[in-house]
């Protein structure tokens, strides 16, 4: 029963993301809307991590299985993909490095702000 309640919360925010995509016609994936709404609910205390952690952990455990279908699709379209392999690899490399860099800088800035705030107290 615990898993059912937790999974229902996750599905609820997924559904809200889908509804927002329909209501607000921006080129934003429904999953992003749902994740932002879930983050807001967690930050505001409407939902606690303990209300989600077991179901979320289970979803993380089975995540590799969810990538089987896209991998099979990639094999099916391999002749088309192989022709564009260099640009795909370059874009993947550059975007990954950019995410690493930006994430590191944001983390450093947040830690710096927190340490300055603690020094004032």
C-alpha atoms as a PDB file:
ATOM      1  CA  UNK A   1       0.000   0.000   0.000  1.00  0.00           C
ATOM      2  CA  UNK A   2       2.926   2.308   0.780  1.00  0.00           C
ATOM      3  CA  UNK A   3       4.299   1.910  -2.751  1.00  0.00           C
ATOM      4  CA  UNK A   4       0.894   2.606  -4.248  1.00  0.00           C
ATOM      5  CA  UNK A   5       0.553   5.916  -2.385  1.00  0.00           C
ATOM      6  CA  UNK A   6       4.066   6.984  -3.302  1.00  0.00           C
ATOM      7  CA  UNK A   7       3.667   6.017  -6.927  1.00  0.00           C
ATOM      8  CA  UNK A   8       0.338   7.867  -7.017  1.00  0.00           C
ATOM      9  CA  UNK A   9       2.113  11.065  -5.970  1.00  0.00           C
ATOM     10  CA  UNK A  10       4.627  10.646  -8.769  1.00  0.00           C
ATOM     11  CA  UNK A  11       1.855   9.952 -11.289  1.00  0.00           C
ATOM     12  CA  UNK A  12      -0.079  12.965 -10.016  1.00  0.00           C
ATOM     13  CA  UNK A  13       2.800  15.318 -10.814  1.00  0.00           C
ATOM     14  CA  UNK A  14       3.336  13.575 -14.141  1.00  0.00           C
ATOM     15  CA  UNK A  15      -0.333  14.169 -14.970  1.00  0.00           C
ATOM     16  CA  UNK A  16      -0.054  17.834 -13.916  1.00  0.00           C
ATOM     17  CA  UNK A  17       2.899  18.199 -16.276  1.00  0.00           C
ATOM     18  CA  UNK A  18       0.840  16.736 -19.112  1.00  0.00           C
ATOM     19  CA  UNK A  19      -2.056  19.075 -18.298  1.00  0.00           C
ATOM     20  CA  UNK A  20       0.223  22.118 -18.235  1.00  0.00           C
ATOM     21  CA  UNK A  21       1.613  21.188 -21.637  1.00  0.00           C
ATOM     22  CA  UNK A  22      -1.922  21.196 -22.957  1.00  0.00           C
ATOM     23  CA  UNK A  23      -2.838  24.474 -21.194  1.00  0.00           C
ATOM     24  CA  UNK A  24       0.420  26.335 -21.865  1.00  0.00           C
ATOM     25  CA  UNK A  25       1.525  25.633 -25.450  1.00  0.00           C
ATOM     26  CA  UNK A  26       5.254  26.232 -24.943  1.00  0.00           C
ATOM     27  CA  UNK A  27       7.907  23.914 -26.374  1.00  0.00           C
ATOM     28  CA  UNK A  28       8.608  22.452 -22.927  1.00  0.00           C
ATOM     29  CA  UNK A  29       8.302  18.685 -22.401  1.00  0.00           C
ATOM     30  CA  UNK A  30       5.592  17.589 -19.975  1.00  0.00           C
ATOM     31  CA  UNK A  31       8.173  15.793 -17.833  1.00  0.00           C
ATOM     32  CA  UNK A  32       9.936  19.107 -17.167  1.00  0.00           C
ATOM     33  CA  UNK A  33       6.681  20.725 -16.048  1.00  0.00           C
ATOM     34  CA  UNK A  34       6.013  17.762 -13.769  1.00  0.00           C
ATOM     35  CA  UNK A  35       9.518  17.827 -12.281  1.00  0.00           C
ATOM     36  CA  UNK A  36       9.344  21.576 -11.631  1.00  0.00           C
ATOM     37  CA  UNK A  37       5.957  21.181  -9.952  1.00  0.00           C
ATOM     38  CA  UNK A  38       7.271  18.303  -7.841  1.00  0.00           C
ATOM     39  CA  UNK A  39      10.326  20.360  -6.873  1.00  0.00           C
ATOM     40  CA  UNK A  40       8.066  23.252  -5.869  1.00  0.00           C
ATOM     41  CA  UNK A  41       5.855  20.932  -3.817  1.00  0.00           C
ATOM     42  CA  UNK A  42       8.931  19.516  -2.066  1.00  0.00           C
ATOM     43  CA  UNK A  43      10.359  22.990  -1.428  1.00  0.00           C
ATOM     44  CA  UNK A  44       7.064  24.249  -0.024  1.00  0.00           C
ATOM     45  CA  UNK A  45       6.653  21.182   2.162  1.00  0.00           C
ATOM     46  CA  UNK A  46       3.425  20.027   0.525  1.00  0.00           C
ATOM     47  CA  UNK A  47       5.141  16.719  -0.220  1.00  0.00           C
ATOM     48  CA  UNK A  48       7.944  15.277   1.873  1.00  0.00           C
ATOM     49  CA  UNK A  49      10.752  13.108   0.529  1.00  0.00           C
ATOM     50  CA  UNK A  50       9.573  10.245   2.712  1.00  0.00           C
ATOM     51  CA  UNK A  51       6.290  10.278   0.776  1.00  0.00           C
ATOM     52  CA  UNK A  52       8.205   9.436  -2.410  1.00  0.00           C
ATOM     53  CA  UNK A  53      11.492   7.746  -1.577  1.00  0.00           C
ATOM     54  CA  UNK A  54      10.588   4.058  -1.824  1.00  0.00           C
ATOM     55  CA  UNK A  55       8.718   4.333  -5.123  1.00  0.00           C
ATOM     56  CA  UNK A  56      11.356   6.684  -6.543  1.00  0.00           C
ATOM     57  CA  UNK A  57      14.086   4.247  -5.491  1.00  0.00           C
ATOM     58  CA  UNK A  58      12.266   1.402  -7.213  1.00  0.00           C
ATOM     59  CA  UNK A  59      11.933   3.472 -10.402  1.00  0.00           C
ATOM     60  CA  UNK A  60      15.670   4.160 -10.300  1.00  0.00           C
ATOM     61  CA  UNK A  61      16.405   0.455  -9.928  1.00  0.00           C
ATOM     62  CA  UNK A  62      14.350  -0.487 -12.991  1.00  0.00           C
ATOM     63  CA  UNK A  63      15.540   2.488 -15.073  1.00  0.00           C
ATOM     64  CA  UNK A  64      17.949   0.422 -17.222  1.00  0.00           C
ATOM     65  CA  UNK A  65      15.016  -1.689 -18.414  1.00  0.00           C
ATOM     66  CA  UNK A  66      13.312   1.477 -19.644  1.00  0.00           C
ATOM     67  CA  UNK A  67      16.209   2.109 -22.047  1.00  0.00           C
ATOM     68  CA  UNK A  68      15.868  -1.218 -23.867  1.00  0.00           C
ATOM     69  CA  UNK A  69      13.266   0.022 -26.378  1.00  0.00           C
ATOM     70  CA  UNK A  70      15.253   3.133 -27.401  1.00  0.00           C
ATOM     71  CA  UNK A  71      18.383   1.002 -27.785  1.00  0.00           C
ATOM     72  CA  UNK A  72      16.545  -1.405 -30.073  1.00  0.00           C
ATOM     73  CA  UNK A  73      15.262   1.565 -32.074  1.00  0.00           C
ATOM     74  CA  UNK A  74      18.812   2.850 -32.409  1.00  0.00           C
ATOM     75  CA  UNK A  75      19.908  -0.501 -33.822  1.00  0.00           C
ATOM     76  CA  UNK A  76      17.013  -0.405 -36.274  1.00  0.00           C
ATOM     77  CA  UNK A  77      18.078   3.015 -37.590  1.00  0.00           C
ATOM     78  CA  UNK A  78      21.824   2.361 -37.389  1.00  0.00           C
ATOM     79  CA  UNK A  79      22.528   3.020 -41.097  1.00  0.00           C
ATOM     80  CA  UNK A  80      21.060   6.517 -40.738  1.00  0.00           C
ATOM     81  CA  UNK A  81      22.680   7.197 -37.362  1.00  0.00           C
ATOM     82  CA  UNK A  82      26.120   5.937 -38.414  1.00  0.00           C
ATOM     83  CA  UNK A  83      26.299   8.556 -41.174  1.00  0.00           C
ATOM     84  CA  UNK A  84      25.928  11.300 -38.550  1.00  0.00           C
ATOM     85  CA  UNK A  85      28.056   9.736 -35.821  1.00  0.00           C
ATOM     86  CA  UNK A  86      30.736  12.463 -35.687  1.00  0.00           C
ATOM     87  CA  UNK A  87      28.278  15.356 -35.202  1.00  0.00           C
ATOM     88  CA  UNK A  88      26.296  13.308 -32.665  1.00  0.00           C
ATOM     89  CA  UNK A  89      29.438  12.520 -30.657  1.00  0.00           C
ATOM     90  CA  UNK A  90      30.654  16.134 -30.798  1.00  0.00           C
ATOM     91  CA  UNK A  91      27.325  17.533 -29.632  1.00  0.00           C
ATOM     92  CA  UNK A  92      27.145  14.936 -26.855  1.00  0.00           C
ATOM     93  CA  UNK A  93      30.691  15.711 -25.699  1.00  0.00           C
ATOM     94  CA  UNK A  94      30.287  19.496 -25.783  1.00  0.00           C
ATOM     95  CA  UNK A  95      26.898  19.462 -24.048  1.00  0.00           C
ATOM     96  CA  UNK A  96      28.143  17.056 -21.361  1.00  0.00           C
ATOM     97  CA  UNK A  97      31.179  19.229 -20.637  1.00  0.00           C
ATOM     98  CA  UNK A  98      28.982  22.326 -20.575  1.00  0.00           C
ATOM     99  CA  UNK A  99      26.619  20.712 -18.066  1.00  0.00           C
ATOM    100  CA  UNK A 100      29.584  19.647 -15.902  1.00  0.00           C
ATOM    101  CA  UNK A 101      31.027  23.173 -15.982  1.00  0.00           C
ATOM    102  CA  UNK A 102      27.762  24.991 -15.266  1.00  0.00           C
ATOM    103  CA  UNK A 103      26.758  22.532 -12.538  1.00  0.00           C
ATOM    104  CA  UNK A 104      30.139  22.922 -10.851  1.00  0.00           C
ATOM    105  CA  UNK A 105      30.000  26.722 -10.999  1.00  0.00           C
ATOM    106  CA  UNK A 106      26.449  26.846  -9.635  1.00  0.00           C
ATOM    107  CA  UNK A 107      27.414  24.481  -6.806  1.00  0.00           C
ATOM    108  CA  UNK A 108      30.476  26.562  -5.948  1.00  0.00           C
ATOM    109  CA  UNK A 109      28.415  29.761  -5.964  1.00  0.00           C
ATOM    110  CA  UNK A 110      25.754  28.211  -3.743  1.00  0.00           C
ATOM    111  CA  UNK A 111      28.356  26.919  -1.285  1.00  0.00           C
ATOM    112  CA  UNK A 112      30.028  30.323  -1.234  1.00  0.00           C
ATOM    113  CA  UNK A 113      26.744  32.074  -0.508  1.00  0.00           C
ATOM    114  CA  UNK A 114      25.897  29.600   2.238  1.00  0.00           C
ATOM    115  CA  UNK A 115      29.300  29.957   3.901  1.00  0.00           C
ATOM    116  CA  UNK A 116      29.040  33.784   3.805  1.00  0.00           C
ATOM    117  CA  UNK A 117      25.566  33.561   5.313  1.00  0.00           C
ATOM    118  CA  UNK A 118      26.822  31.261   8.094  1.00  0.00           C
ATOM    119  CA  UNK A 119      29.743  33.628   8.844  1.00  0.00           C
ATOM    120  CA  UNK A 120      27.298  36.490   9.410  1.00  0.00           C
ATOM    121  CA  UNK A 121      25.395  34.435  11.969  1.00  0.00           C
END
